[in-house]
Amino acid sequence: MADEGRILGIDFGLKRVGVSVSDPMGIIARGLETLSNDHRLLDTMVDIVKRMSITKIIIGKPLKLNGAGGNSAAEVLKFEKRLKEKLSKECEKEIEILQWDERFTTTIAQRTQIELGVKKKERQKKGNLDRMASQLILQSYLDSVK
């Protein structure tokens, strides 16, 4: 996996998008930032892909407990399509995009912050959970391909 390059993890939301990135060897995910879901989002994503030499993107797939997709899953599909189109126009090589089950990542992120002793005020800051959820999505993917 060392020759594949970095992998980007995305926790997509209608207001905010959490972003994480793997180390160059594809072993460890780290939270990168939280972006506003606005007119600049796709341009910012392309910039991150180019700047960090991203070769693959993992997007959290919001599923219900029964495994079915809902309204959120449809929004993720729309975002993925727009991102693929933008990347194909602006990047020299094709960037693979995969969806990954994101069930419980926000809950796990909340519990992890509590266990780490993060103060309630800090936990409630917008974007912290989104970034950590993207990190959990990406780490789950990385662990599955070891």
C-alpha atoms as a PDB file:
ATOM      1  CA  MET A   1       0.000   0.000   0.000  1.00  0.00           C
ATOM      2  CA  ALA A   2       3.005   2.317   0.436  1.00  0.00           C
ATOM      3  CA  ASP A   3       3.157   3.177  -3.257  1.00  0.00           C
ATOM      4  CA  GLU A   4      -0.506   4.158  -3.536  1.00  0.00           C
ATOM      5  CA  GLY A   5      -0.236   7.601  -1.958  1.00  0.00           C
ATOM      6  CA  ARG A   6      -2.404   9.301   0.623  1.00  0.00           C
ATOM      7  CA  ILE A   7      -6.090   8.572   1.077  1.00  0.00           C
ATOM      8  CA  LEU A   8      -8.659  11.227   1.918  1.00  0.00           C
ATOM      9  CA  GLY A   9     -11.564  10.512   4.262  1.00  0.00           C
ATOM     10  CA  ILE A  10     -14.779  12.525   4.077  1.00  0.00           C
ATOM     11  CA  ASP A  11     -17.715  12.787   6.467  1.00  0.00           C
ATOM     12  CA  PHE A  12     -20.227  14.623   4.279  1.00  0.00           C
ATOM     13  CA  GLY A  13     -22.933  16.774   5.807  1.00  0.00           C
ATOM     14  CA  LEU A  14     -25.328  19.346   4.443  1.00  0.00           C
ATOM     15  CA  LYS A  15     -23.718  22.087   6.583  1.00  0.00           C
ATOM     16  CA  ARG A  16     -20.190  20.835   7.259  1.00  0.00           C
ATOM     17  CA  VAL A  17     -17.793  18.309   5.771  1.00  0.00           C
ATOM     18  CA  GLY A  18     -15.191  16.635   7.957  1.00  0.00           C
ATOM     19  CA  VAL A  19     -11.932  15.769   6.216  1.00  0.00           C
ATOM     20  CA  SER A  20      -9.118  13.457   7.247  1.00  0.00           C
ATOM     21  CA  VAL A  21      -6.027  12.118   5.526  1.00  0.00           C
ATOM     22  CA  SER A  22      -3.885   9.007   5.805  1.00  0.00           C
ATOM     23  CA  ASP A  23      -0.159   8.962   6.299  1.00  0.00           C
ATOM     24  CA  PRO A  24       1.816   8.233   3.084  1.00  0.00           C
ATOM     25  CA  MET A  25       1.942   4.510   3.919  1.00  0.00           C
ATOM     26  CA  GLY A  26      -1.833   4.265   4.379  1.00  0.00           C
ATOM     27  CA  ILE A  27      -1.717   3.074   7.990  1.00  0.00           C
ATOM     28  CA  ILE A  28      -2.958   5.917  10.183  1.00  0.00           C
ATOM     29  CA  ALA A  29      -5.736   8.450   9.623  1.00  0.00           C
ATOM     30  CA  ARG A  30      -5.574  11.924  11.119  1.00  0.00           C
ATOM     31  CA  GLY A  31      -8.204  14.620  11.164  1.00  0.00           C
ATOM     32  CA  LEU A  32      -7.359  17.412   8.769  1.00  0.00           C
ATOM     33  CA  GLU A  33     -10.098  20.042   8.890  1.00  0.00           C
ATOM     34  CA  THR A  34     -13.803  20.773   8.739  1.00  0.00           C
ATOM     35  CA  LEU A  35     -15.099  22.616   5.712  1.00  0.00           C
ATOM     36  CA  SER A  36     -18.300  24.544   5.188  1.00  0.00           C
ATOM     37  CA  ASN A  37     -20.574  22.915   2.653  1.00  0.00           C
ATOM     38  CA  ASP A  38     -20.869  25.941   0.409  1.00  0.00           C
ATOM     39  CA  HIS A  39     -20.000  27.054  -3.131  1.00  0.00           C
ATOM     40  CA  ARG A  40     -16.248  26.711  -2.406  1.00  0.00           C
ATOM     41  CA  LEU A  41     -16.370  23.085  -1.245  1.00  0.00           C
ATOM     42  CA  LEU A  42     -15.462  21.344  -4.496  1.00  0.00           C
ATOM     43  CA  ASP A  43     -12.626  23.786  -5.257  1.00  0.00           C
ATOM     44  CA  THR A  44     -11.256  23.250  -1.756  1.00  0.00           C
ATOM     45  CA  MET A  45     -11.466  19.473  -2.192  1.00  0.00           C
ATOM     46  CA  VAL A  46      -9.542  19.643  -5.472  1.00  0.00           C
ATOM     47  CA  ASP A  47      -6.910  21.807  -3.792  1.00  0.00           C
ATOM     48  CA  ILE A  48      -6.499  19.277  -0.963  1.00  0.00           C
ATOM     49  CA  VAL A  49      -6.275  16.375  -3.443  1.00  0.00           C
ATOM     50  CA  LYS A  50      -3.541  18.121  -5.421  1.00  0.00           C
ATOM     51  CA  ARG A  51      -1.633  19.539  -2.451  1.00  0.00           C
ATOM     52  CA  MET A  52      -1.551  16.259  -0.509  1.00  0.00           C
ATOM     53  CA  SER A  53      -1.075  13.888  -3.478  1.00  0.00           C
ATOM     54  CA  ILE A  54      -4.332  12.062  -2.786  1.00  0.00           C
ATOM     55  CA  THR A  55      -4.866   8.909  -4.833  1.00  0.00           C
ATOM     56  CA  LYS A  56      -8.110   7.638  -3.294  1.00  0.00           C
ATOM     57  CA  ILE A  57     -11.096   9.133  -1.480  1.00  0.00           C
ATOM     58  CA  ILE A  58     -13.290   7.356   1.068  1.00  0.00           C
ATOM     59  CA  ILE A  59     -16.683   8.976   1.651  1.00  0.00           C
ATOM     60  CA  GLY A  60     -18.816   7.963   4.596  1.00  0.00           C
ATOM     61  CA  LYS A  61     -22.003   6.240   3.466  1.00  0.00           C
ATOM     62  CA  PRO A  62     -24.862   7.009   5.846  1.00  0.00           C
ATOM     63  CA  LEU A  63     -26.894   3.843   6.297  1.00  0.00           C
ATOM     64  CA  LYS A  64     -29.823   3.048   8.535  1.00  0.00           C
ATOM     65  CA  LEU A  65     -29.497   0.248  11.081  1.00  0.00           C
ATOM     66  CA  ASN A  66     -31.092  -2.153   8.595  1.00  0.00           C
ATOM     67  CA  GLY A  67     -28.427  -1.293   6.010  1.00  0.00           C
ATOM     68  CA  ALA A  68     -30.721   0.721   3.739  1.00  0.00           C
ATOM     69  CA  GLY A  69     -29.821   4.176   2.529  1.00  0.00           C
ATOM     70  CA  GLY A  70     -32.052   7.162   3.183  1.00  0.00           C
ATOM     71  CA  ASN A  71     -32.173  10.830   2.244  1.00  0.00           C
ATOM     72  CA  SER A  72     -28.641  11.393   3.545  1.00  0.00           C
ATOM     73  CA  ALA A  73     -27.306   8.566   1.375  1.00  0.00           C
ATOM     74  CA  ALA A  74     -28.884  10.205  -1.670  1.00  0.00           C
ATOM     75  CA  GLU A  75     -27.162  13.505  -0.800  1.00  0.00           C
ATOM     76  CA  VAL A  76     -23.823  11.705  -0.513  1.00  0.00           C
ATOM     77  CA  LEU A  77     -24.358  10.186  -3.970  1.00  0.00           C
ATOM     78  CA  LYS A  78     -25.034  13.642  -5.445  1.00  0.00           C
ATOM     79  CA  PHE A  79     -21.899  15.022  -3.779  1.00  0.00           C
ATOM     80  CA  GLU A  80     -19.798  12.085  -4.976  1.00  0.00           C
ATOM     81  CA  LYS A  81     -20.965  12.599  -8.555  1.00  0.00           C
ATOM     82  CA  ARG A  82     -20.167  16.332  -8.468  1.00  0.00           C
ATOM     83  CA  LEU A  83     -16.764  15.651  -6.887  1.00  0.00           C
ATOM     84  CA  LYS A  84     -15.889  13.006  -9.524  1.00  0.00           C
ATOM     85  CA  GLU A  85     -16.779  15.418 -12.319  1.00  0.00           C
ATOM     86  CA  LYS A  86     -14.707  18.221 -10.789  1.00  0.00           C
ATOM     87  CA  LEU A  87     -11.709  15.965 -10.156  1.00  0.00           C
ATOM     88  CA  SER A  88     -11.794  14.506 -13.676  1.00  0.00           C
ATOM     89  CA  LYS A  89     -11.600  18.037 -15.115  1.00  0.00           C
ATOM     90  CA  GLU A  90      -8.887  19.338 -12.799  1.00  0.00           C
ATOM     91  CA  CYS A  91      -6.623  16.384 -11.977  1.00  0.00           C
ATOM     92  CA  GLU A  92      -4.228  14.647 -14.319  1.00  0.00           C
ATOM     93  CA  LYS A  93      -4.920  11.147 -13.045  1.00  0.00           C
ATOM     94  CA  GLU A  94      -8.149   9.506 -11.995  1.00  0.00           C
ATOM     95  CA  ILE A  95      -8.920   9.559  -8.281  1.00  0.00           C
ATOM     96  CA  GLU A  96     -10.815   6.501  -7.078  1.00  0.00           C
ATOM     97  CA  ILE A  97     -13.780   7.285  -4.822  1.00  0.00           C
ATOM     98  CA  LEU A  98     -15.333   4.664  -2.556  1.00  0.00           C
ATOM     99  CA  GLN A  99     -18.219   4.848  -0.123  1.00  0.00           C
ATOM    100  CA  TRP A 100     -17.697   3.331   3.330  1.00  0.00           C
ATOM    101  CA  ASP A 101     -20.238   2.474   6.022  1.00  0.00           C
ATOM    102  CA  GLU A 102     -20.275   5.324   8.514  1.00  0.00           C
ATOM    103  CA  ARG A 103     -22.863   4.007  10.975  1.00  0.00           C
ATOM    104  CA  PHE A 104     -22.105   5.079  14.550  1.00  0.00           C
ATOM    105  CA  THR A 105     -19.031   7.176  13.681  1.00  0.00           C
ATOM    106  CA  THR A 106     -20.495  10.353  15.195  1.00  0.00           C
ATOM    107  CA  THR A 107     -21.500   8.497  18.359  1.00  0.00           C
ATOM    108  CA  ILE A 108     -18.047   6.926  18.628  1.00  0.00           C
ATOM    109  CA  ALA A 109     -16.448  10.349  18.054  1.00  0.00           C
ATOM    110  CA  GLN A 110     -18.557  11.846  20.872  1.00  0.00           C
ATOM    111  CA  ARG A 111     -17.662   9.032  23.271  1.00  0.00           C
ATOM    112  CA  THR A 112     -13.993   9.206  22.349  1.00  0.00           C
ATOM    113  CA  GLN A 113     -13.862  12.924  23.084  1.00  0.00           C
ATOM    114  CA  ILE A 114     -15.511  12.354  26.465  1.00  0.00           C
ATOM    115  CA  GLU A 115     -13.090   9.522  27.308  1.00  0.00           C
ATOM    116  CA  LEU A 116     -10.161  11.747  26.337  1.00  0.00           C
ATOM    117  CA  GLY A 117     -11.388  14.378  28.762  1.00  0.00           C
ATOM    118  CA  VAL A 118     -12.245  16.977  26.143  1.00  0.00           C
ATOM    119  CA  LYS A 119     -14.257  19.690  27.864  1.00  0.00           C
ATOM    120  CA  LYS A 120     -17.924  19.991  26.940  1.00  0.00           C
ATOM    121  CA  LYS A 121     -17.437  23.497  25.514  1.00  0.00           C
ATOM    122  CA  GLU A 122     -14.691  22.205  23.196  1.00  0.00           C
ATOM    123  CA  ARG A 123     -16.769  19.152  22.179  1.00  0.00           C
ATOM    124  CA  GLN A 124     -19.634  21.424  21.171  1.00  0.00           C
ATOM    125  CA  LYS A 125     -17.556  23.495  18.771  1.00  0.00           C
ATOM    126  CA  LYS A 126     -18.881  23.062  15.268  1.00  0.00           C
ATOM    127  CA  GLY A 127     -16.736  20.829  13.155  1.00  0.00           C
ATOM    128  CA  ASN A 128     -14.859  18.873  15.822  1.00  0.00           C
ATOM    129  CA  LEU A 129     -17.174  15.867  15.549  1.00  0.00           C
ATOM    130  CA  ASP A 130     -17.272  16.045  11.749  1.00  0.00           C
ATOM    131  CA  ARG A 131     -13.472  15.963  11.523  1.00  0.00           C
ATOM    132  CA  MET A 132     -13.208  13.115  14.018  1.00  0.00           C
ATOM    133  CA  ALA A 133     -15.991  11.169  12.266  1.00  0.00           C
ATOM    134  CA  SER A 134     -14.081  11.468   8.970  1.00  0.00           C
ATOM    135  CA  GLN A 135     -10.999  10.156  10.743  1.00  0.00           C
ATOM    136  CA  LEU A 136     -12.952   7.154  12.091  1.00  0.00           C
ATOM    137  CA  ILE A 137     -14.392   6.417   8.631  1.00  0.00           C
ATOM    138  CA  LEU A 138     -10.943   6.530   7.054  1.00  0.00           C
ATOM    139  CA  GLN A 139      -9.282   4.524   9.830  1.00  0.00           C
ATOM    140  CA  SER A 140     -11.960   1.835   9.505  1.00  0.00           C
ATOM    141  CA  TYR A 141     -11.205   1.607   5.781  1.00  0.00           C
ATOM    142  CA  LEU A 142      -7.427   1.542   6.340  1.00  0.00           C
ATOM    143  CA  ASP A 143      -7.761  -1.220   8.954  1.00  0.00           C
ATOM    144  CA  SER A 144      -9.843  -3.307   6.558  1.00  0.00           C
ATOM    145  CA  VAL A 145      -7.216  -3.313   3.791  1.00  0.00           C
ATOM    146  CA  LYS A 146      -4.134  -4.097   5.890  1.00  0.00           C
END
